[in-house]
Amino acid sequence: MNQEIKIALVEDDENLRFLVAERLQTEGYRVLEASNGDDAEKMIMDENPDIVLLDWMLPGKQGSEVCENIRKNGFDKLVIMMTAKAQDVDKIEAYNFGVSDYITKPYNMDVLVAMIDNKIKFSLNSDKPETYRFANMEHHPNTHLLIKDGKKIELTILENRILLYFLKNRNKVINREELMMEVWGYNADVNTRTLDMHIVRLRKKIEDNPDSPQYLQTVRGVGYKFSHD
């Protein structure tokens, strides 16, 4: 299935780029490469890849600028930011450059491949970028937008991950550990309070009355359930 799938790999570290490209090709993906922001923008707009793996620190242009520019030019597929520093993750969270998701370096190749496989599986099921509808809302995970009553609401990357997981598991009780694993991954040093805080913020964006939530319900002593037909 991976034969037709094009991944644009934008990374200025030649050795790392070689290793990642080789591994992705072994997995059957077609890899396009660029080592700086200007080449990357041109390549992405010309080739329209399925996924962009974009390094945060690039010569010339930052990855964030590249992402912003391709989004402005109408690129709406997945963009995964690769970042070496934890504090950059905060920046990716705080400002919306249009990044779909991120992975921190040094990353384990298996984790990177699993992340891509997982995303491809979901985005290939439809011709247009995946969209989830519930009630009067539409969720566009690639660009982490929520459209509610025709109004656009920005989600942070973590809110986006949480909502996406709920929408894929509607009406199922999900315990906090499972959700934390899904959202922050294996090596995450987060506690349940952090998760609950994100849930509270997400409720403010999707619920008409966040204090008595209609969709994102708490299941006492266990976790949460996204309730919707």
N, C-alpha and C. Protein backbone atom coordinates (compact mmCIF):
# COMPACT_ATOMS: atom_id res chain seq x y z
N MET A 1 0.82 -1.20 0.00
CA MET A 1 0.00 0.00 0.00
C MET A 1 0.86 1.27 0.00
N ASN A 2 2.11 1.15 0.57
CA ASN A 2 2.91 2.35 0.73
C ASN A 2 3.52 2.87 -0.57
N GLN A 3 3.41 2.08 -1.63
CA GLN A 3 4.06 2.39 -2.89
C GLN A 3 3.77 3.81 -3.37
N GLU A 4 2.51 4.18 -3.29
CA GLU A 4 2.12 5.48 -3.86
C GLU A 4 2.34 6.62 -2.87
N ILE A 5 2.76 6.28 -1.65
CA ILE A 5 2.77 7.33 -0.63
C ILE A 5 4.08 8.08 -0.61
N LYS A 6 3.96 9.39 -0.76
CA LYS A 6 5.16 10.24 -0.84
C LYS A 6 5.36 10.97 0.47
N ILE A 7 6.58 10.90 0.97
CA ILE A 7 6.93 11.61 2.19
C ILE A 7 8.02 12.62 1.86
N ALA A 8 7.77 13.88 2.19
CA ALA A 8 8.81 14.90 2.00
C ALA A 8 9.59 15.00 3.30
N LEU A 9 10.89 14.75 3.21
CA LEU A 9 11.75 14.76 4.38
C LEU A 9 12.64 16.00 4.31
N VAL A 10 12.43 16.92 5.26
CA VAL A 10 13.18 18.17 5.25
C VAL A 10 14.06 18.20 6.49
N GLU A 11 15.35 18.00 6.27
CA GLU A 11 16.29 17.85 7.39
C GLU A 11 17.66 18.26 6.91
N ASP A 12 18.32 19.19 7.65
CA ASP A 12 19.63 19.66 7.16
C ASP A 12 20.78 18.79 7.60
N ASP A 13 20.58 17.94 8.59
CA ASP A 13 21.64 17.02 9.02
C ASP A 13 21.68 15.84 8.04
N GLU A 14 22.75 15.83 7.24
CA GLU A 14 22.81 14.88 6.13
C GLU A 14 22.76 13.43 6.58
N ASN A 15 23.50 13.13 7.65
CA ASN A 15 23.53 11.74 8.13
C ASN A 15 22.17 11.28 8.59
N LEU A 16 21.51 12.13 9.37
CA LEU A 16 20.19 11.78 9.88
C LEU A 16 19.20 11.63 8.72
N ARG A 17 19.29 12.57 7.77
CA ARG A 17 18.38 12.51 6.62
C ARG A 17 18.56 11.19 5.86
N PHE A 18 19.83 10.81 5.69
CA PHE A 18 20.12 9.55 5.00
C PHE A 18 19.50 8.35 5.73
N LEU A 19 19.69 8.33 7.06
CA LEU A 19 19.18 7.21 7.86
C LEU A 19 17.65 7.14 7.81
N VAL A 20 17.00 8.29 7.98
CA VAL A 20 15.54 8.31 7.99
C VAL A 20 15.01 7.92 6.61
N ALA A 21 15.61 8.51 5.56
CA ALA A 21 15.16 8.23 4.19
C ALA A 21 15.29 6.74 3.89
N GLU A 22 16.43 6.19 4.29
CA GLU A 22 16.68 4.77 4.00
C GLU A 22 15.64 3.88 4.70
N ARG A 23 15.36 4.22 5.95
CA ARG A 23 14.39 3.42 6.71
C ARG A 23 12.98 3.53 6.10
N LEU A 24 12.60 4.74 5.73
CA LEU A 24 11.26 4.93 5.15
C LEU A 24 11.14 4.24 3.80
N GLN A 25 12.24 4.23 3.03
CA GLN A 25 12.21 3.54 1.73
C GLN A 25 12.10 2.03 1.94
N THR A 26 12.78 1.54 2.97
CA THR A 26 12.68 0.12 3.32
C THR A 26 11.24 -0.25 3.64
N GLU A 27 10.52 0.70 4.26
CA GLU A 27 9.12 0.47 4.62
C GLU A 27 8.21 0.60 3.40
N GLY A 28 8.80 1.00 2.26
CA GLY A 28 8.02 1.08 1.03
C GLY A 28 7.50 2.46 0.69
N TYR A 29 7.90 3.47 1.45
CA TYR A 29 7.46 4.83 1.12
C TYR A 29 8.38 5.44 0.07
N ARG A 30 7.83 6.39 -0.69
CA ARG A 30 8.66 7.13 -1.63
C ARG A 30 9.10 8.41 -0.92
N VAL A 31 10.41 8.64 -0.87
CA VAL A 31 10.91 9.76 -0.07
C VAL A 31 11.49 10.86 -0.96
N LEU A 32 11.04 12.09 -0.72
CA LEU A 32 11.60 13.26 -1.40
C LEU A 32 12.40 14.01 -0.34
N GLU A 33 13.56 14.54 -0.72
CA GLU A 33 14.41 15.16 0.30
C GLU A 33 14.74 16.62 0.01
N ALA A 34 14.84 17.39 1.07
CA ALA A 34 15.32 18.77 0.97
C ALA A 34 16.10 19.09 2.23
N SER A 35 17.09 19.99 2.11
CA SER A 35 17.93 20.29 3.27
C SER A 35 17.76 21.72 3.77
N ASN A 36 16.95 22.52 3.06
CA ASN A 36 16.71 23.87 3.56
C ASN A 36 15.28 24.29 3.25
N GLY A 37 14.85 25.37 3.87
CA GLY A 37 13.46 25.81 3.81
C GLY A 37 12.98 26.18 2.42
N ASP A 38 13.82 26.89 1.66
CA ASP A 38 13.37 27.35 0.34
C ASP A 38 13.14 26.17 -0.60
N ASP A 39 14.11 25.26 -0.62
CA ASP A 39 13.95 24.06 -1.47
C ASP A 39 12.74 23.27 -1.02
N ALA A 40 12.56 23.20 0.29
CA ALA A 40 11.46 22.41 0.84
C ALA A 40 10.12 22.96 0.37
N GLU A 41 9.94 24.27 0.47
CA GLU A 41 8.66 24.87 0.06
C GLU A 41 8.36 24.57 -1.39
N LYS A 42 9.37 24.75 -2.24
CA LYS A 42 9.16 24.52 -3.67
C LYS A 42 8.79 23.06 -3.91
N MET A 43 9.57 22.16 -3.29
CA MET A 43 9.35 20.73 -3.48
C MET A 43 7.94 20.31 -3.02
N ILE A 44 7.53 20.83 -1.87
CA ILE A 44 6.22 20.44 -1.33
C ILE A 44 5.10 20.94 -2.23
N MET A 45 5.21 22.18 -2.70
CA MET A 45 4.15 22.72 -3.55
C MET A 45 4.14 22.04 -4.92
N ASP A 46 5.33 21.65 -5.42
CA ASP A 46 5.39 20.97 -6.73
C ASP A 46 4.92 19.52 -6.66
N GLU A 47 5.31 18.84 -5.58
CA GLU A 47 5.11 17.38 -5.51
C GLU A 47 3.86 16.95 -4.73
N ASN A 48 3.33 17.86 -3.91
CA ASN A 48 2.15 17.55 -3.09
C ASN A 48 2.26 16.20 -2.36
N PRO A 49 3.25 16.06 -1.47
CA PRO A 49 3.43 14.78 -0.76
C PRO A 49 2.28 14.50 0.21
N ASP A 50 2.20 13.25 0.66
CA ASP A 50 1.14 12.86 1.60
C ASP A 50 1.47 13.31 3.02
N ILE A 51 2.77 13.29 3.32
CA ILE A 51 3.22 13.70 4.65
C ILE A 51 4.50 14.50 4.50
N VAL A 52 4.62 15.54 5.31
CA VAL A 52 5.88 16.28 5.36
C VAL A 52 6.50 16.07 6.74
N LEU A 53 7.75 15.61 6.74
CA LEU A 53 8.52 15.53 7.99
C LEU A 53 9.45 16.73 7.96
N LEU A 54 9.26 17.64 8.89
CA LEU A 54 9.89 18.94 8.78
C LEU A 54 10.72 19.24 10.01
N ASP A 55 12.01 19.49 9.80
CA ASP A 55 12.87 19.82 10.93
C ASP A 55 12.59 21.25 11.41
N TRP A 56 12.61 21.43 12.71
CA TRP A 56 12.30 22.74 13.30
C TRP A 56 13.41 23.74 12.99
N MET A 57 14.68 23.30 13.14
CA MET A 57 15.82 24.19 12.90
C MET A 57 16.36 23.94 11.50
N LEU A 58 16.19 24.91 10.62
CA LEU A 58 16.71 24.75 9.26
C LEU A 58 17.56 25.97 8.91
N PRO A 59 18.53 25.79 8.02
CA PRO A 59 19.28 26.97 7.59
C PRO A 59 18.37 27.89 6.79
N GLY A 60 18.52 29.18 6.98
CA GLY A 60 17.70 30.12 6.21
C GLY A 60 16.36 30.36 6.87
N LYS A 61 15.46 29.42 6.68
CA LYS A 61 14.11 29.56 7.22
C LYS A 61 13.87 28.56 8.32
N GLN A 62 13.13 28.96 9.33
CA GLN A 62 12.72 28.00 10.35
C GLN A 62 11.64 27.07 9.78
N GLY A 63 11.56 25.89 10.36
CA GLY A 63 10.51 24.95 9.95
C GLY A 63 9.13 25.56 10.10
N SER A 64 8.97 26.37 11.16
CA SER A 64 7.65 26.97 11.41
C SER A 64 7.24 27.87 10.25
N GLU A 65 8.21 28.58 9.69
CA GLU A 65 7.93 29.50 8.59
C GLU A 65 7.56 28.72 7.33
N VAL A 66 8.30 27.64 7.10
CA VAL A 66 8.00 26.77 5.95
C VAL A 66 6.57 26.26 6.06
N CYS A 67 6.22 25.81 7.26
CA CYS A 67 4.89 25.25 7.47
C CYS A 67 3.81 26.30 7.23
N GLU A 68 4.05 27.47 7.78
CA GLU A 68 3.08 28.56 7.62
C GLU A 68 2.88 28.89 6.14
N ASN A 69 4.00 28.95 5.40
CA ASN A 69 3.92 29.31 3.98
C ASN A 69 3.19 28.27 3.14
N ILE A 70 3.48 26.99 3.39
CA ILE A 70 2.80 25.97 2.57
C ILE A 70 1.31 25.91 2.92
N ARG A 71 0.98 26.18 4.18
CA ARG A 71 -0.44 26.21 4.56
C ARG A 71 -1.15 27.37 3.85
N LYS A 72 -0.47 28.53 3.81
CA LYS A 72 -1.05 29.69 3.13
C LYS A 72 -1.29 29.39 1.66
N ASN A 73 -0.40 28.57 1.10
CA ASN A 73 -0.52 28.23 -0.32
C ASN A 73 -1.45 27.04 -0.56
N GLY A 74 -2.15 26.61 0.49
CA GLY A 74 -3.20 25.61 0.29
C GLY A 74 -2.81 24.16 0.53
N PHE A 75 -1.61 23.90 1.08
CA PHE A 75 -1.23 22.52 1.36
C PHE A 75 -1.95 22.07 2.64
N ASP A 76 -2.81 21.03 2.54
CA ASP A 76 -3.61 20.67 3.73
C ASP A 76 -3.37 19.25 4.21
N LYS A 77 -2.24 18.66 3.79
CA LYS A 77 -1.95 17.30 4.25
C LYS A 77 -1.15 17.37 5.55
N LEU A 78 -0.68 16.21 5.99
CA LEU A 78 -0.01 16.15 7.29
C LEU A 78 1.37 16.78 7.31
N VAL A 79 1.62 17.56 8.34
CA VAL A 79 2.97 18.09 8.55
C VAL A 79 3.40 17.70 9.96
N ILE A 80 4.46 16.91 10.04
CA ILE A 80 4.98 16.49 11.35
C ILE A 80 6.30 17.21 11.57
N MET A 81 6.36 17.98 12.65
CA MET A 81 7.56 18.75 12.98
C MET A 81 8.51 17.89 13.79
N MET A 82 9.79 17.88 13.39
CA MET A 82 10.80 17.13 14.15
C MET A 82 11.61 18.16 14.94
N THR A 83 11.65 17.99 16.24
CA THR A 83 12.32 19.00 17.05
C THR A 83 13.26 18.37 18.07
N ALA A 84 14.39 19.06 18.31
CA ALA A 84 15.40 18.48 19.21
C ALA A 84 15.22 18.91 20.65
N LYS A 85 14.49 19.99 20.87
CA LYS A 85 14.42 20.50 22.23
C LYS A 85 13.01 20.51 22.77
N ALA A 86 12.90 20.14 24.01
CA ALA A 86 11.57 20.10 24.63
C ALA A 86 10.91 21.48 24.62
N GLN A 87 11.73 22.54 24.77
CA GLN A 87 11.08 23.86 24.83
C GLN A 87 10.50 24.28 23.49
N ASP A 88 11.01 23.71 22.39
CA ASP A 88 10.42 24.01 21.09
C ASP A 88 9.01 23.46 21.01
N VAL A 89 8.79 22.34 21.70
CA VAL A 89 7.47 21.74 21.71
C VAL A 89 6.46 22.74 22.27
N ASP A 90 6.89 23.47 23.31
CA ASP A 90 6.00 24.49 23.88
C ASP A 90 5.65 25.55 22.84
N LYS A 91 6.65 25.91 22.03
CA LYS A 91 6.39 26.92 20.99
C LYS A 91 5.43 26.37 19.95
N ILE A 92 5.63 25.10 19.60
CA ILE A 92 4.75 24.49 18.60
C ILE A 92 3.32 24.45 19.15
N GLU A 93 3.23 24.20 20.46
CA GLU A 93 1.92 24.16 21.11
C GLU A 93 1.27 25.53 21.14
N ALA A 94 2.10 26.54 21.41
CA ALA A 94 1.54 27.87 21.70
C ALA A 94 1.12 28.63 20.45
N TYR A 95 1.89 28.47 19.38
CA TYR A 95 1.56 29.23 18.17
C TYR A 95 1.11 28.25 17.13
N ASN A 96 0.16 28.65 16.35
CA ASN A 96 -0.30 27.70 15.36
C ASN A 96 0.33 28.01 14.01
N PHE A 97 1.36 27.22 13.66
CA PHE A 97 1.96 27.38 12.34
C PHE A 97 1.27 26.45 11.35
N GLY A 98 0.30 25.70 11.86
CA GLY A 98 -0.33 24.72 10.97
C GLY A 98 0.32 23.35 11.03
N VAL A 99 1.12 23.12 12.09
CA VAL A 99 1.74 21.80 12.25
C VAL A 99 0.66 20.81 12.68
N SER A 100 0.68 19.60 12.09
CA SER A 100 -0.32 18.59 12.48
C SER A 100 0.10 17.87 13.75
N ASP A 101 1.40 17.63 13.88
CA ASP A 101 1.88 16.87 15.03
C ASP A 101 3.38 17.07 15.12
N TYR A 102 4.00 16.52 16.16
CA TYR A 102 5.45 16.66 16.26
C TYR A 102 6.05 15.41 16.88
N ILE A 103 7.36 15.25 16.67
CA ILE A 103 8.09 14.16 17.31
C ILE A 103 9.41 14.75 17.77
N THR A 104 9.87 14.37 18.98
CA THR A 104 11.11 14.97 19.49
C THR A 104 12.30 14.08 19.20
N LYS A 105 13.42 14.73 18.91
CA LYS A 105 14.68 14.01 18.67
C LYS A 105 15.41 13.85 19.99
N PRO A 106 16.26 12.87 20.16
CA PRO A 106 16.50 11.82 19.18
C PRO A 106 15.33 10.85 19.19
N TYR A 107 14.76 10.56 18.04
CA TYR A 107 13.62 9.66 18.07
C TYR A 107 14.04 8.26 17.67
N ASN A 108 13.28 7.34 18.15
CA ASN A 108 13.49 5.96 17.80
C ASN A 108 12.82 5.75 16.44
N MET A 109 13.55 5.15 15.51
CA MET A 109 13.03 4.98 14.15
C MET A 109 11.71 4.21 14.13
N ASP A 110 11.61 3.21 15.02
CA ASP A 110 10.37 2.41 15.04
C ASP A 110 9.18 3.28 15.44
N VAL A 111 9.42 4.21 16.36
CA VAL A 111 8.34 5.09 16.82
C VAL A 111 7.93 6.01 15.67
N LEU A 112 8.93 6.53 14.95
CA LEU A 112 8.63 7.42 13.81
C LEU A 112 7.82 6.67 12.76
N VAL A 113 8.26 5.45 12.43
CA VAL A 113 7.56 4.67 11.41
C VAL A 113 6.14 4.33 11.86
N ALA A 114 6.00 3.97 13.13
CA ALA A 114 4.67 3.63 13.65
C ALA A 114 3.75 4.84 13.57
N MET A 115 4.29 6.00 13.89
CA MET A 115 3.51 7.23 13.86
C MET A 115 3.03 7.51 12.43
N ILE A 116 3.94 7.35 11.47
CA ILE A 116 3.58 7.60 10.07
C ILE A 116 2.57 6.57 9.59
N ASP A 117 2.82 5.31 9.88
CA ASP A 117 1.89 4.24 9.45
C ASP A 117 0.49 4.50 9.97
N ASN A 118 0.44 4.88 11.23
CA ASN A 118 -0.83 5.13 11.89
C ASN A 118 -1.58 6.28 11.21
N LYS A 119 -0.84 7.36 10.94
CA LYS A 119 -1.48 8.53 10.33
C LYS A 119 -1.92 8.24 8.90
N ILE A 120 -1.08 7.50 8.18
CA ILE A 120 -1.40 7.17 6.79
C ILE A 120 -2.66 6.33 6.73
N LYS A 121 -2.74 5.37 7.66
CA LYS A 121 -3.89 4.47 7.68
C LYS A 121 -5.19 5.27 7.76
N PHE A 122 -5.19 6.29 8.61
CA PHE A 122 -6.42 7.07 8.78
C PHE A 122 -6.65 8.04 7.64
N SER A 123 -5.57 8.63 7.12
CA SER A 123 -5.81 9.66 6.11
C SER A 123 -6.09 9.05 4.74
N LEU A 124 -5.73 7.77 4.56
CA LEU A 124 -5.96 7.15 3.25
C LEU A 124 -7.38 6.67 3.06
N ASN A 125 -8.10 6.59 4.18
CA ASN A 125 -9.46 6.07 4.06
C ASN A 125 -10.40 7.03 3.36
N SER A 126 -9.92 8.25 3.11
CA SER A 126 -10.80 9.18 2.41
C SER A 126 -9.98 9.94 1.38
N ASP A 127 -10.63 10.43 0.36
CA ASP A 127 -9.92 11.15 -0.69
C ASP A 127 -9.49 12.52 -0.18
N LYS A 128 -10.35 13.10 0.64
CA LYS A 128 -9.96 14.42 1.16
C LYS A 128 -9.47 14.23 2.59
N PRO A 129 -8.75 15.21 3.11
CA PRO A 129 -8.22 15.06 4.47
C PRO A 129 -9.33 14.67 5.45
N GLU A 130 -8.97 13.84 6.42
CA GLU A 130 -10.00 13.29 7.30
C GLU A 130 -10.73 14.39 8.06
N THR A 131 -12.02 14.20 8.19
CA THR A 131 -12.87 15.14 8.92
C THR A 131 -13.81 14.32 9.78
N TYR A 132 -14.02 14.76 11.00
CA TYR A 132 -14.97 14.07 11.88
C TYR A 132 -16.11 15.02 12.19
N ARG A 133 -17.32 14.53 12.06
CA ARG A 133 -18.47 15.40 12.36
C ARG A 133 -19.20 14.88 13.58
N PHE A 134 -19.61 15.77 14.45
CA PHE A 134 -20.49 15.40 15.55
C PHE A 134 -21.30 16.64 15.92
N ALA A 135 -22.58 16.42 16.20
CA ALA A 135 -23.48 17.54 16.52
C ALA A 135 -23.31 18.66 15.49
N ASN A 136 -23.07 19.90 16.00
CA ASN A 136 -22.93 21.02 15.07
C ASN A 136 -21.45 21.34 14.83
N MET A 137 -20.60 20.32 14.96
CA MET A 137 -19.16 20.55 14.86
C MET A 137 -18.50 19.66 13.83
N GLU A 138 -17.35 20.16 13.35
CA GLU A 138 -16.52 19.42 12.42
C GLU A 138 -15.09 19.52 12.91
N HIS A 139 -14.42 18.38 12.99
CA HIS A 139 -13.03 18.39 13.45
C HIS A 139 -12.12 18.05 12.27
N HIS A 140 -11.13 18.91 12.02
CA HIS A 140 -10.14 18.68 10.96
C HIS A 140 -8.78 18.44 11.61
N PRO A 141 -8.45 17.19 11.89
CA PRO A 141 -7.24 16.93 12.68
C PRO A 141 -5.93 17.37 12.01
N ASN A 142 -5.83 17.30 10.67
CA ASN A 142 -4.55 17.69 10.04
C ASN A 142 -4.17 19.13 10.30
N THR A 143 -5.17 19.98 10.41
CA THR A 143 -4.86 21.40 10.63
C THR A 143 -5.34 21.85 12.00
N HIS A 144 -5.60 20.90 12.87
CA HIS A 144 -6.26 21.06 14.18
C HIS A 144 -7.20 22.25 14.30
N LEU A 145 -8.21 22.15 13.47
CA LEU A 145 -9.29 23.13 13.50
C LEU A 145 -10.57 22.44 13.95
N LEU A 146 -11.34 23.18 14.71
CA LEU A 146 -12.67 22.71 15.05
C LEU A 146 -13.62 23.77 14.52
N ILE A 147 -14.60 23.34 13.75
CA ILE A 147 -15.57 24.31 13.26
C ILE A 147 -16.88 24.05 13.99
N LYS A 148 -17.31 25.04 14.74
CA LYS A 148 -18.51 24.90 15.55
C LYS A 148 -19.51 25.96 15.11
N ASP A 149 -20.67 25.51 14.67
CA ASP A 149 -21.68 26.46 14.16
C ASP A 149 -21.08 27.39 13.12
N GLY A 150 -20.20 26.84 12.28
CA GLY A 150 -19.60 27.66 11.22
C GLY A 150 -18.45 28.55 11.67
N LYS A 151 -18.15 28.55 12.99
CA LYS A 151 -17.03 29.37 13.48
C LYS A 151 -15.80 28.49 13.67
N LYS A 152 -14.64 29.05 13.34
CA LYS A 152 -13.39 28.29 13.48
C LYS A 152 -12.83 28.44 14.88
N ILE A 153 -12.47 27.32 15.47
CA ILE A 153 -11.85 27.34 16.80
C ILE A 153 -10.52 26.59 16.67
N GLU A 154 -9.44 27.23 17.11
CA GLU A 154 -8.12 26.60 17.03
C GLU A 154 -7.95 25.62 18.20
N LEU A 155 -7.43 24.44 17.91
CA LEU A 155 -7.07 23.51 18.98
C LEU A 155 -5.55 23.45 19.07
N THR A 156 -5.03 23.24 20.27
CA THR A 156 -3.59 23.00 20.37
C THR A 156 -3.34 21.56 19.91
N ILE A 157 -2.07 21.23 19.68
CA ILE A 157 -1.75 19.88 19.20
C ILE A 157 -2.23 18.82 20.18
N LEU A 158 -2.05 19.09 21.48
CA LEU A 158 -2.46 18.09 22.46
C LEU A 158 -3.98 17.97 22.54
N GLU A 159 -4.68 19.10 22.48
CA GLU A 159 -6.15 19.03 22.45
C GLU A 159 -6.61 18.27 21.22
N ASN A 160 -5.90 18.51 20.12
CA ASN A 160 -6.22 17.84 18.86
C ASN A 160 -6.07 16.32 19.00
N ARG A 161 -4.96 15.90 19.61
CA ARG A 161 -4.73 14.46 19.80
C ARG A 161 -5.81 13.85 20.68
N ILE A 162 -6.15 14.58 21.75
CA ILE A 162 -7.16 14.06 22.68
C ILE A 162 -8.51 13.92 21.99
N LEU A 163 -8.94 14.98 21.30
CA LEU A 163 -10.24 14.94 20.64
C LEU A 163 -10.28 13.86 19.57
N LEU A 164 -9.20 13.72 18.81
CA LEU A 164 -9.16 12.71 17.75
C LEU A 164 -9.32 11.31 18.34
N TYR A 165 -8.64 11.08 19.46
CA TYR A 165 -8.74 9.75 20.09
C TYR A 165 -10.17 9.47 20.56
N PHE A 166 -10.80 10.49 21.13
CA PHE A 166 -12.19 10.32 21.56
C PHE A 166 -13.11 10.05 20.37
N LEU A 167 -12.90 10.78 19.29
CA LEU A 167 -13.78 10.63 18.13
C LEU A 167 -13.62 9.26 17.47
N LYS A 168 -12.42 8.69 17.61
CA LYS A 168 -12.21 7.35 17.05
C LYS A 168 -12.76 6.28 18.00
N ASN A 169 -13.03 6.66 19.23
CA ASN A 169 -13.52 5.70 20.23
C ASN A 169 -14.80 6.22 20.89
N ARG A 170 -15.75 6.61 20.05
CA ARG A 170 -16.99 7.19 20.61
C ARG A 170 -17.71 6.20 21.50
N ASN A 171 -18.30 6.73 22.56
CA ASN A 171 -19.12 5.95 23.50
C ASN A 171 -18.36 4.83 24.21
N LYS A 172 -17.03 4.90 24.18
CA LYS A 172 -16.25 3.89 24.87
C LYS A 172 -15.62 4.55 26.10
N VAL A 173 -15.64 3.86 27.23
CA VAL A 173 -15.00 4.42 28.42
C VAL A 173 -13.49 4.26 28.27
N ILE A 174 -12.77 5.36 28.37
CA ILE A 174 -11.32 5.33 28.19
C ILE A 174 -10.66 5.73 29.49
N ASN A 175 -9.78 4.87 29.99
CA ASN A 175 -9.17 5.24 31.26
C ASN A 175 -8.03 6.24 31.05
N ARG A 176 -7.72 6.94 32.12
CA ARG A 176 -6.76 8.04 32.01
C ARG A 176 -5.41 7.57 31.50
N GLU A 177 -4.96 6.40 31.97
CA GLU A 177 -3.63 5.92 31.57
C GLU A 177 -3.57 5.69 30.06
N GLU A 178 -4.62 5.08 29.54
CA GLU A 178 -4.67 4.82 28.09
C GLU A 178 -4.61 6.14 27.31
N LEU A 179 -5.35 7.10 27.79
CA LEU A 179 -5.41 8.40 27.11
C LEU A 179 -4.06 9.11 27.19
N MET A 180 -3.43 9.04 28.36
CA MET A 180 -2.13 9.70 28.53
C MET A 180 -1.08 9.06 27.63
N MET A 181 -1.14 7.74 27.53
CA MET A 181 -0.22 7.00 26.68
C MET A 181 -0.40 7.42 25.22
N GLU A 182 -1.64 7.54 24.83
CA GLU A 182 -1.98 7.89 23.45
C GLU A 182 -1.54 9.31 23.11
N VAL A 183 -1.69 10.21 24.07
CA VAL A 183 -1.45 11.62 23.80
C VAL A 183 0.02 12.01 23.99
N TRP A 184 0.62 11.53 25.09
CA TRP A 184 2.00 11.94 25.37
C TRP A 184 3.04 10.87 25.03
N GLY A 185 2.60 9.64 24.85
CA GLY A 185 3.57 8.60 24.49
C GLY A 185 4.24 7.95 25.69
N TYR A 186 5.17 7.07 25.38
CA TYR A 186 5.74 6.19 26.40
C TYR A 186 6.60 6.89 27.41
N ASN A 187 7.42 7.83 26.95
CA ASN A 187 8.44 8.37 27.85
C ASN A 187 7.94 9.63 28.55
N ALA A 188 6.64 9.84 28.51
CA ALA A 188 6.14 11.12 29.00
C ALA A 188 6.11 11.17 30.51
N ASP A 189 6.51 12.32 31.00
CA ASP A 189 6.48 12.53 32.44
C ASP A 189 5.31 13.45 32.74
N VAL A 190 4.11 12.92 32.59
CA VAL A 190 2.93 13.77 32.86
C VAL A 190 2.10 13.10 33.93
N ASN A 191 1.33 13.91 34.64
CA ASN A 191 0.45 13.31 35.63
C ASN A 191 -1.00 13.52 35.21
N THR A 192 -1.90 12.88 35.93
CA THR A 192 -3.31 12.93 35.53
C THR A 192 -3.85 14.36 35.63
N ARG A 193 -3.24 15.17 36.50
CA ARG A 193 -3.73 16.56 36.61
C ARG A 193 -3.52 17.32 35.31
N THR A 194 -2.37 17.05 34.67
CA THR A 194 -2.10 17.70 33.38
C THR A 194 -3.15 17.30 32.36
N LEU A 195 -3.46 16.02 32.34
CA LEU A 195 -4.48 15.53 31.41
C LEU A 195 -5.83 16.20 31.69
N ASP A 196 -6.21 16.21 32.97
CA ASP A 196 -7.50 16.79 33.34
C ASP A 196 -7.59 18.27 32.95
N MET A 197 -6.45 18.95 33.06
CA MET A 197 -6.42 20.36 32.69
C MET A 197 -6.69 20.54 31.18
N HIS A 198 -6.09 19.66 30.38
CA HIS A 198 -6.34 19.72 28.93
C HIS A 198 -7.80 19.39 28.60
N ILE A 199 -8.35 18.46 29.35
CA ILE A 199 -9.76 18.10 29.14
C ILE A 199 -10.66 19.30 29.43
N VAL A 200 -10.35 20.00 30.52
CA VAL A 200 -11.14 21.18 30.90
C VAL A 200 -11.09 22.22 29.78
N ARG A 201 -9.89 22.43 29.23
CA ARG A 201 -9.75 23.42 28.15
C ARG A 201 -10.51 22.99 26.90
N LEU A 202 -10.42 21.69 26.62
CA LEU A 202 -11.11 21.17 25.43
C LEU A 202 -12.63 21.30 25.59
N ARG A 203 -13.09 21.04 26.80
CA ARG A 203 -14.54 21.19 27.05
C ARG A 203 -15.01 22.61 26.78
N LYS A 204 -14.17 23.57 27.16
CA LYS A 204 -14.56 24.98 26.94
C LYS A 204 -14.74 25.25 25.45
N LYS A 205 -14.03 24.49 24.64
CA LYS A 205 -14.12 24.73 23.19
C LYS A 205 -15.27 23.97 22.54
N ILE A 206 -15.61 22.80 23.08
CA ILE A 206 -16.66 22.03 22.39
C ILE A 206 -18.02 22.02 23.07
N GLU A 207 -18.04 22.21 24.37
CA GLU A 207 -19.31 22.08 25.09
C GLU A 207 -20.07 23.40 25.14
N ASP A 208 -21.39 23.34 25.07
CA ASP A 208 -22.19 24.55 25.27
C ASP A 208 -22.14 24.96 26.73
N ASN A 209 -22.16 23.95 27.60
CA ASN A 209 -22.03 24.22 29.02
C ASN A 209 -20.93 23.32 29.59
N PRO A 210 -19.69 23.84 29.66
CA PRO A 210 -18.55 23.00 30.06
C PRO A 210 -18.72 22.39 31.45
N ASP A 211 -19.53 23.04 32.32
CA ASP A 211 -19.68 22.51 33.69
C ASP A 211 -20.56 21.27 33.74
N SER A 212 -21.48 21.13 32.78
CA SER A 212 -22.19 19.85 32.71
C SER A 212 -22.10 19.34 31.27
N PRO A 213 -20.94 18.72 30.98
CA PRO A 213 -20.62 18.36 29.60
C PRO A 213 -21.58 17.34 29.00
N GLN A 214 -21.91 17.60 27.75
CA GLN A 214 -22.82 16.72 27.03
C GLN A 214 -22.02 15.63 26.30
N TYR A 215 -20.82 16.00 25.80
CA TYR A 215 -20.02 15.06 25.00
C TYR A 215 -18.89 14.43 25.81
N LEU A 216 -18.03 15.30 26.35
CA LEU A 216 -16.83 14.80 27.01
C LEU A 216 -17.12 14.55 28.48
N GLN A 217 -17.60 13.36 28.75
CA GLN A 217 -18.08 13.08 30.11
C GLN A 217 -17.02 12.39 30.97
N THR A 218 -17.06 12.73 32.25
CA THR A 218 -16.16 12.08 33.21
C THR A 218 -16.81 10.79 33.70
N VAL A 219 -16.02 9.73 33.72
CA VAL A 219 -16.50 8.47 34.32
C VAL A 219 -15.74 8.32 35.62
N ARG A 220 -16.45 8.50 36.73
CA ARG A 220 -15.78 8.56 38.03
C ARG A 220 -14.87 7.37 38.31
N GLY A 221 -13.67 7.70 38.77
CA GLY A 221 -12.73 6.65 39.17
C GLY A 221 -12.08 5.92 38.01
N VAL A 222 -12.49 6.23 36.78
CA VAL A 222 -11.91 5.50 35.63
C VAL A 222 -11.24 6.47 34.65
N GLY A 223 -12.03 7.37 34.11
CA GLY A 223 -11.49 8.27 33.10
C GLY A 223 -12.59 9.04 32.42
N TYR A 224 -12.68 8.88 31.10
CA TYR A 224 -13.62 9.69 30.33
C TYR A 224 -14.33 8.87 29.27
N LYS A 225 -15.40 9.48 28.78
CA LYS A 225 -16.12 8.85 27.68
C LYS A 225 -16.63 9.97 26.77
N PHE A 226 -16.46 9.78 25.47
CA PHE A 226 -17.00 10.75 24.53
C PHE A 226 -18.35 10.23 24.08
N SER A 227 -19.37 10.90 24.53
CA SER A 227 -20.71 10.37 24.31
C SER A 227 -21.37 11.06 23.12
N HIS A 228 -21.55 10.28 22.05
CA HIS A 228 -22.27 10.82 20.90
C HIS A 228 -22.64 9.70 19.94
N ASP A 229 -23.83 9.82 19.34
CA ASP A 229 -24.26 8.77 18.40
C ASP A 229 -23.59 8.96 17.07
